[in-house]
Amino acid sequence: MGGESVTLAARIEALKKDPTADFMFGAVTREGWKPGEGGDGQKPSGGKKPAEMSYAELAEYLAANPDAKLD
């Protein structure tokens, strides 16, 4: 590293001071979202399970929620 010795503790301290890494250290509150809640907080397509949806409904749901997991 260019002849300088940087300890792990020094790197961690630098990360603690970096505002983009604050989520790794301590409790950080974020406004406007709840962990584990997806999209608009509603069930897919009016509460239907993916197995009960028509192909068109499923395609529309997946277009609106690309990260959705079909269980």
PDB file of N, CA and C in Angstrom:
ATOM      1  N   MET A   1       0.829  -1.202   0.000  1.00  0.00           N
ATOM      2  CA  MET A   1       0.000   0.000   0.000  1.00  0.00           C
ATOM      3  C   MET A   1       0.867   1.257   0.000  1.00  0.00           C
ATOM      4  N   GLY A   2       1.758   1.368  -0.869  1.00  0.00           N
ATOM      5  CA  GLY A   2       2.548   2.576  -0.982  1.00  0.00           C
ATOM      6  C   GLY A   2       3.464   2.824   0.188  1.00  0.00           C
ATOM      7  N   GLY A   3       3.867   1.767   0.899  1.00  0.00           N
ATOM      8  CA  GLY A   3       4.802   1.927   1.996  1.00  0.00           C
ATOM      9  C   GLY A   3       4.183   2.326   3.322  1.00  0.00           C
ATOM     10  N   GLU A   4       2.867   2.569   3.364  1.00  0.00           N
ATOM     11  CA  GLU A   4       2.247   2.935   4.636  1.00  0.00           C
ATOM     12  C   GLU A   4       1.480   1.746   5.199  1.00  0.00           C
ATOM     13  N   SER A   5       1.399   1.684   6.500  1.00  0.00           N
ATOM     14  CA  SER A   5       0.712   0.588   7.173  1.00  0.00           C
ATOM     15  C   SER A   5      -0.603   1.117   7.740  1.00  0.00           C
ATOM     16  N   VAL A   6      -1.722   0.549   7.262  1.00  0.00           N
ATOM     17  CA  VAL A   6      -3.034   0.956   7.744  1.00  0.00           C
ATOM     18  C   VAL A   6      -3.655  -0.244   8.445  1.00  0.00           C
ATOM     19  N   THR A   7      -3.997  -0.055   9.699  1.00  0.00           N
ATOM     20  CA  THR A   7      -4.561  -1.152  10.465  1.00  0.00           C
ATOM     21  C   THR A   7      -6.052  -1.305  10.172  1.00  0.00           C
ATOM     22  N   LEU A   8      -6.559  -2.449  10.515  1.00  0.00           N
ATOM     23  CA  LEU A   8      -7.986  -2.707  10.347  1.00  0.00           C
ATOM     24  C   LEU A   8      -8.796  -1.730  11.196  1.00  0.00           C
ATOM     25  N   ALA A   9      -8.335  -1.449  12.390  1.00  0.00           N
ATOM     26  CA  ALA A   9      -9.035  -0.513  13.276  1.00  0.00           C
ATOM     27  C   ALA A   9      -9.128   0.869  12.640  1.00  0.00           C
ATOM     28  N   ALA A  10      -8.063   1.294  11.973  1.00  0.00           N
ATOM     29  CA  ALA A  10      -8.077   2.603  11.312  1.00  0.00           C
ATOM     30  C   ALA A  10      -9.069   2.616  10.157  1.00  0.00           C
ATOM     31  N   ARG A  11      -9.140   1.529   9.432  1.00  0.00           N
ATOM     32  CA  ARG A  11     -10.094   1.454   8.322  1.00  0.00           C
ATOM     33  C   ARG A  11     -11.536   1.473   8.831  1.00  0.00           C
ATOM     34  N   ILE A  12     -11.782   0.767   9.931  1.00  0.00           N
ATOM     35  CA  ILE A  12     -13.127   0.748  10.514  1.00  0.00           C
ATOM     36  C   ILE A  12     -13.514   2.136  11.010  1.00  0.00           C
ATOM     37  N   GLU A  13     -12.596   2.833  11.643  1.00  0.00           N
ATOM     38  CA  GLU A  13     -12.875   4.189  12.115  1.00  0.00           C
ATOM     39  C   GLU A  13     -13.202   5.111  10.941  1.00  0.00           C
ATOM     40  N   ALA A  14     -12.489   4.955   9.840  1.00  0.00           N
ATOM     41  CA  ALA A  14     -12.770   5.761   8.650  1.00  0.00           C
ATOM     42  C   ALA A  14     -14.160   5.455   8.105  1.00  0.00           C
ATOM     43  N   LEU A  15     -14.558   4.176   8.112  1.00  0.00           N
ATOM     44  CA  LEU A  15     -15.900   3.808   7.660  1.00  0.00           C
ATOM     45  C   LEU A  15     -16.985   4.378   8.571  1.00  0.00           C
ATOM     46  N   LYS A  16     -16.729   4.406   9.877  1.00  0.00           N
ATOM     47  CA  LYS A  16     -17.708   4.947  10.817  1.00  0.00           C
ATOM     48  C   LYS A  16     -17.979   6.421  10.551  1.00  0.00           C
ATOM     49  N   LYS A  17     -16.973   7.137  10.063  1.00  0.00           N
ATOM     50  CA  LYS A  17     -17.127   8.572   9.800  1.00  0.00           C
ATOM     51  C   LYS A  17     -17.724   8.846   8.426  1.00  0.00           C
ATOM     52  N   ASP A  18     -17.762   7.846   7.559  1.00  0.00           N
ATOM     53  CA  ASP A  18     -18.281   8.003   6.202  1.00  0.00           C
ATOM     54  C   ASP A  18     -19.810   7.932   6.225  1.00  0.00           C
ATOM     55  N   PRO A  19     -20.506   8.991   5.804  1.00  0.00           N
ATOM     56  CA  PRO A  19     -21.972   8.982   5.867  1.00  0.00           C
ATOM     57  C   PRO A  19     -22.624   7.943   4.957  1.00  0.00           C
ATOM     58  N   THR A  20     -21.920   7.467   3.935  1.00  0.00           N
ATOM     59  CA  THR A  20     -22.511   6.443   3.068  1.00  0.00           C
ATOM     60  C   THR A  20     -22.403   5.056   3.672  1.00  0.00           C
ATOM     61  N   ALA A  21     -21.646   4.900   4.762  1.00  0.00           N
ATOM     62  CA  ALA A  21     -21.476   3.594   5.399  1.00  0.00           C
ATOM     63  C   ALA A  21     -22.088   3.565   6.796  1.00  0.00           C
ATOM     64  N   ASP A  22     -22.878   4.578   7.144  1.00  0.00           N
ATOM     65  CA  ASP A  22     -23.426   4.660   8.500  1.00  0.00           C
ATOM     66  C   ASP A  22     -24.376   3.524   8.846  1.00  0.00           C
ATOM     67  N   PHE A  23     -24.966   2.884   7.840  1.00  0.00           N
ATOM     68  CA  PHE A  23     -25.914   1.802   8.106  1.00  0.00           C
ATOM     69  C   PHE A  23     -25.243   0.578   8.714  1.00  0.00           C
ATOM     70  N   MET A  24     -23.927   0.470   8.603  1.00  0.00           N
ATOM     71  CA  MET A  24     -23.228  -0.700   9.128  1.00  0.00           C
ATOM     72  C   MET A  24     -22.930  -0.585  10.619  1.00  0.00           C
ATOM     73  N   PHE A  25     -23.041   0.600  11.171  1.00  0.00           N
ATOM     74  CA  PHE A  25     -22.651   0.821  12.550  1.00  0.00           C
ATOM     75  C   PHE A  25     -23.772   1.504  13.303  1.00  0.00           C
ATOM     76  N   GLY A  26     -24.387   0.777  14.226  1.00  0.00           N
ATOM     77  CA  GLY A  26     -25.418   1.362  15.067  1.00  0.00           C
ATOM     78  C   GLY A  26     -26.779   1.408  14.389  1.00  0.00           C
ATOM     79  N   ALA A  27     -27.726   1.942  15.116  1.00  0.00           N
ATOM     80  CA  ALA A  27     -29.103   2.022  14.629  1.00  0.00           C
ATOM     81  C   ALA A  27     -29.285   3.294  13.818  1.00  0.00           C
ATOM     82  N   VAL A  28     -29.725   3.127  12.615  1.00  0.00           N
ATOM     83  CA  VAL A  28     -29.998   4.253  11.733  1.00  0.00           C
ATOM     84  C   VAL A  28     -31.469   4.197  11.387  1.00  0.00           C
ATOM     85  N   THR A  29     -32.158   5.300  11.562  1.00  0.00           N
ATOM     86  CA  THR A  29     -33.569   5.317  11.222  1.00  0.00           C
ATOM     87  C   THR A  29     -33.743   5.940   9.845  1.00  0.00           C
ATOM     88  N   ARG A  30     -34.535   5.294   9.050  1.00  0.00           N
ATOM     89  CA  ARG A  30     -34.839   5.785   7.710  1.00  0.00           C
ATOM     90  C   ARG A  30     -36.318   6.139   7.668  1.00  0.00           C
ATOM     91  N   GLU A  31     -36.624   7.224   7.044  1.00  0.00           N
ATOM     92  CA  GLU A  31     -38.006   7.681   6.935  1.00  0.00           C
ATOM     93  C   GLU A  31     -38.643   7.134   5.659  1.00  0.00           C
ATOM     94  N   GLY A  32     -39.899   6.776   5.729  1.00  0.00           N
ATOM     95  CA  GLY A  32     -40.652   6.457   4.539  1.00  0.00           C
ATOM     96  C   GLY A  32     -40.658   5.006   4.087  1.00  0.00           C
ATOM     97  N   TRP A  33     -40.045   4.098   4.819  1.00  0.00           N
ATOM     98  CA  TRP A  33     -40.101   2.690   4.420  1.00  0.00           C
ATOM     99  C   TRP A  33     -40.005   1.811   5.647  1.00  0.00           C
ATOM    100  N   LYS A  34     -40.515   0.613   5.513  1.00  0.00           N
ATOM    101  CA  LYS A  34     -40.438  -0.369   6.591  1.00  0.00           C
ATOM    102  C   LYS A  34     -39.755  -1.603   6.034  1.00  0.00           C
ATOM    103  N   PRO A  35     -38.750  -2.120   6.730  1.00  0.00           N
ATOM    104  CA  PRO A  35     -38.067  -3.321   6.240  1.00  0.00           C
ATOM    105  C   PRO A  35     -39.045  -4.473   6.055  1.00  0.00           C
ATOM    106  N   GLY A  36     -38.893  -5.190   4.967  1.00  0.00           N
ATOM    107  CA  GLY A  36     -39.738  -6.339   4.700  1.00  0.00           C
ATOM    108  C   GLY A  36     -41.035  -6.003   4.003  1.00  0.00           C
ATOM    109  N   GLU A  37     -41.328  -4.722   3.839  1.00  0.00           N
ATOM    110  CA  GLU A  37     -42.559  -4.323   3.178  1.00  0.00           C
ATOM    111  C   GLU A  37     -42.240  -3.991   1.729  1.00  0.00           C
ATOM    112  N   GLY A  38     -42.930  -4.581   0.821  1.00  0.00           N
ATOM    113  CA  GLY A  38     -42.620  -4.358  -0.583  1.00  0.00           C
ATOM    114  C   GLY A  38     -43.647  -3.500  -1.283  1.00  0.00           C
ATOM    115  N   GLY A  39     -43.213  -2.799  -2.292  1.00  0.00           N
ATOM    116  CA  GLY A  39     -44.104  -2.010  -3.134  1.00  0.00           C
ATOM    117  C   GLY A  39     -44.926  -1.022  -2.353  1.00  0.00           C
ATOM    118  N   ASP A  40     -46.224  -1.069  -2.551  1.00  0.00           N
ATOM    119  CA  ASP A  40     -47.119  -0.148  -1.868  1.00  0.00           C
ATOM    120  C   ASP A  40     -47.667  -0.737  -0.570  1.00  0.00           C
ATOM    121  N   GLY A  41     -47.137  -1.865  -0.136  1.00  0.00           N
ATOM    122  CA  GLY A  41     -47.559  -2.480   1.115  1.00  0.00           C
ATOM    123  C   GLY A  41     -48.801  -3.340   0.987  1.00  0.00           C
ATOM    124  N   GLN A  42     -49.298  -3.524  -0.220  1.00  0.00           N
ATOM    125  CA  GLN A  42     -50.499  -4.312  -0.430  1.00  0.00           C
ATOM    126  C   GLN A  42     -50.129  -5.677  -0.988  1.00  0.00           C
ATOM    127  N   LYS A  43     -51.050  -6.598  -0.869  1.00  0.00           N
ATOM    128  CA  LYS A  43     -50.830  -7.932  -1.420  1.00  0.00           C
ATOM    129  C   LYS A  43     -50.926  -7.871  -2.944  1.00  0.00           C
ATOM    130  N   PRO A  44     -50.307  -8.798  -3.624  1.00  0.00           N
ATOM    131  CA  PRO A  44     -50.325  -8.770  -5.085  1.00  0.00           C
ATOM    132  C   PRO A  44     -51.728  -8.899  -5.665  1.00  0.00           C
ATOM    133  N   SER A  45     -52.018  -8.059  -6.615  1.00  0.00           N
ATOM    134  CA  SER A  45     -53.247  -8.113  -7.412  1.00  0.00           C
ATOM    135  C   SER A  45     -54.504  -8.310  -6.564  1.00  0.00           C
ATOM    136  N   GLY A  46     -54.717  -7.416  -5.604  1.00  0.00           N
ATOM    137  CA  GLY A  46     -55.937  -7.467  -4.812  1.00  0.00           C
ATOM    138  C   GLY A  46     -55.971  -8.582  -3.793  1.00  0.00           C
ATOM    139  N   GLY A  47     -54.846  -9.150  -3.424  1.00  0.00           N
ATOM    140  CA  GLY A  47     -54.795 -10.173  -2.407  1.00  0.00           C
ATOM    141  C   GLY A  47     -54.774 -11.592  -2.935  1.00  0.00           C
ATOM    142  N   LYS A  48     -54.773 -11.772  -4.240  1.00  0.00           N
ATOM    143  CA  LYS A  48     -54.713 -13.117  -4.809  1.00  0.00           C
ATOM    144  C   LYS A  48     -53.310 -13.692  -4.656  1.00  0.00           C
ATOM    145  N   LYS A  49     -53.251 -14.988  -4.469  1.00  0.00           N
ATOM    146  CA  LYS A  49     -51.963 -15.670  -4.477  1.00  0.00           C
ATOM    147  C   LYS A  49     -51.516 -15.813  -5.927  1.00  0.00           C
ATOM    148  N   PRO A  50     -50.208 -15.841  -6.178  1.00  0.00           N
ATOM    149  CA  PRO A  50     -49.737 -15.981  -7.561  1.00  0.00           C
ATOM    150  C   PRO A  50     -50.329 -17.198  -8.277  1.00  0.00           C
ATOM    151  N   ALA A  51     -50.556 -18.287  -7.557  1.00  0.00           N
ATOM    152  CA  ALA A  51     -51.118 -19.490  -8.178  1.00  0.00           C
ATOM    153  C   ALA A  51     -52.563 -19.278  -8.631  1.00  0.00           C
ATOM    154  N   GLU A  52     -53.265 -18.283  -8.047  1.00  0.00           N
ATOM    155  CA  GLU A  52     -54.660 -18.023  -8.392  1.00  0.00           C
ATOM    156  C   GLU A  52     -54.812 -16.957  -9.476  1.00  0.00           C
ATOM    157  N   MET A  53     -53.703 -16.296  -9.850  1.00  0.00           N
ATOM    158  CA  MET A  53     -53.764 -15.227 -10.837  1.00  0.00           C
ATOM    159  C   MET A  53     -53.815 -15.787 -12.250  1.00  0.00           C
ATOM    160  N   SER A  54     -54.461 -15.025 -13.121  1.00  0.00           N
ATOM    161  CA  SER A  54     -54.417 -15.375 -14.541  1.00  0.00           C
ATOM    162  C   SER A  54     -53.030 -14.987 -15.061  1.00  0.00           C
ATOM    163  N   TYR A  55     -52.731 -15.445 -16.279  1.00  0.00           N
ATOM    164  CA  TYR A  55     -51.433 -15.109 -16.856  1.00  0.00           C
ATOM    165  C   TYR A  55     -51.282 -13.596 -16.991  1.00  0.00           C
ATOM    166  N   ALA A  56     -52.335 -12.917 -17.418  1.00  0.00           N
ATOM    167  CA  ALA A  56     -52.294 -11.462 -17.599  1.00  0.00           C
ATOM    168  C   ALA A  56     -52.070 -10.754 -16.263  1.00  0.00           C
ATOM    169  N   GLU A  57     -52.764 -11.218 -15.212  1.00  0.00           N
ATOM    170  CA  GLU A  57     -52.587 -10.622 -13.886  1.00  0.00           C
ATOM    171  C   GLU A  57     -51.170 -10.843 -13.379  1.00  0.00           C
ATOM    172  N   LEU A  58     -50.658 -12.045 -13.568  1.00  0.00           N
ATOM    173  CA  LEU A  58     -49.306 -12.363 -13.116  1.00  0.00           C
ATOM    174  C   LEU A  58     -48.270 -11.535 -13.876  1.00  0.00           C
ATOM    175  N   ALA A  59     -48.451 -11.395 -15.179  1.00  0.00           N
ATOM    176  CA  ALA A  59     -47.523 -10.590 -15.981  1.00  0.00           C
ATOM    177  C   ALA A  59     -47.552  -9.134 -15.538  1.00  0.00           C
ATOM    178  N   GLU A  60     -48.736  -8.602 -15.269  1.00  0.00           N
ATOM    179  CA  GLU A  60     -48.869  -7.216 -14.806  1.00  0.00           C
ATOM    180  C   GLU A  60     -48.218  -7.041 -13.434  1.00  0.00           C
ATOM    181  N   TYR A  61     -48.466  -7.995 -12.542  1.00  0.00           N
ATOM    182  CA  TYR A  61     -47.879  -7.930 -11.201  1.00  0.00           C
ATOM    183  C   TYR A  61     -46.353  -7.967 -11.259  1.00  0.00           C
ATOM    184  N   LEU A  62     -45.803  -8.877 -12.064  1.00  0.00           N
ATOM    185  CA  LEU A  62     -44.344  -8.988 -12.162  1.00  0.00           C
ATOM    186  C   LEU A  62     -43.717  -7.775 -12.851  1.00  0.00           C
ATOM    187  N   ALA A  63     -44.441  -7.145 -13.769  1.00  0.00           N
ATOM    188  CA  ALA A  63     -43.941  -5.914 -14.403  1.00  0.00           C
ATOM    189  C   ALA A  63     -43.860  -4.783 -13.384  1.00  0.00           C
ATOM    190  N   ALA A  64     -44.850  -4.731 -12.500  1.00  0.00           N
ATOM    191  CA  ALA A  64     -44.884  -3.674 -11.476  1.00  0.00           C
ATOM    192  C   ALA A  64     -43.960  -3.982 -10.303  1.00  0.00           C
ATOM    193  N   ASN A  65     -43.632  -5.251 -10.085  1.00  0.00           N
ATOM    194  CA  ASN A  65     -42.801  -5.676  -8.946  1.00  0.00           C
ATOM    195  C   ASN A  65     -41.726  -6.637  -9.428  1.00  0.00           C
ATOM    196  N   PRO A  66     -40.675  -6.132 -10.100  1.00  0.00           N
ATOM    197  CA  PRO A  66     -39.672  -7.029 -10.693  1.00  0.00           C
ATOM    198  C   PRO A  66     -38.905  -7.862  -9.674  1.00  0.00           C
ATOM    199  N   ASP A  67     -38.845  -7.441  -8.423  1.00  0.00           N
ATOM    200  CA  ASP A  67     -38.107  -8.192  -7.411  1.00  0.00           C
ATOM    201  C   ASP A  67     -39.008  -9.138  -6.619  1.00  0.00           C
ATOM    202  N   ALA A  68     -40.259  -9.290  -7.032  1.00  0.00           N
ATOM    203  CA  ALA A  68     -41.202 -10.131  -6.303  1.00  0.00           C
ATOM    204  C   ALA A  68     -40.771 -11.594  -6.333  1.00  0.00           C
ATOM    205  N   LYS A  69     -41.018 -12.263  -5.223  1.00  0.00           N
ATOM    206  CA  LYS A  69     -40.729 -13.689  -5.135  1.00  0.00           C
ATOM    207  C   LYS A  69     -42.059 -14.436  -5.184  1.00  0.00           C
ATOM    208  N   LEU A  70     -42.162 -15.369  -6.080  1.00  0.00           N
ATOM    209  CA  LEU A  70     -43.394 -16.146  -6.229  1.00  0.00           C
ATOM    210  C   LEU A  70     -43.275 -17.423  -5.395  1.00  0.00           C
ATOM    211  N   ASP A  71     -44.043 -17.469  -4.326  1.00  0.00           N
ATOM    212  CA  ASP A  71     -44.000 -18.644  -3.435  1.00  0.00           C
ATOM    213  C   ASP A  71     -45.179 -19.530  -3.674  1.00  0.00           C
TER     214      ASP A  71
END
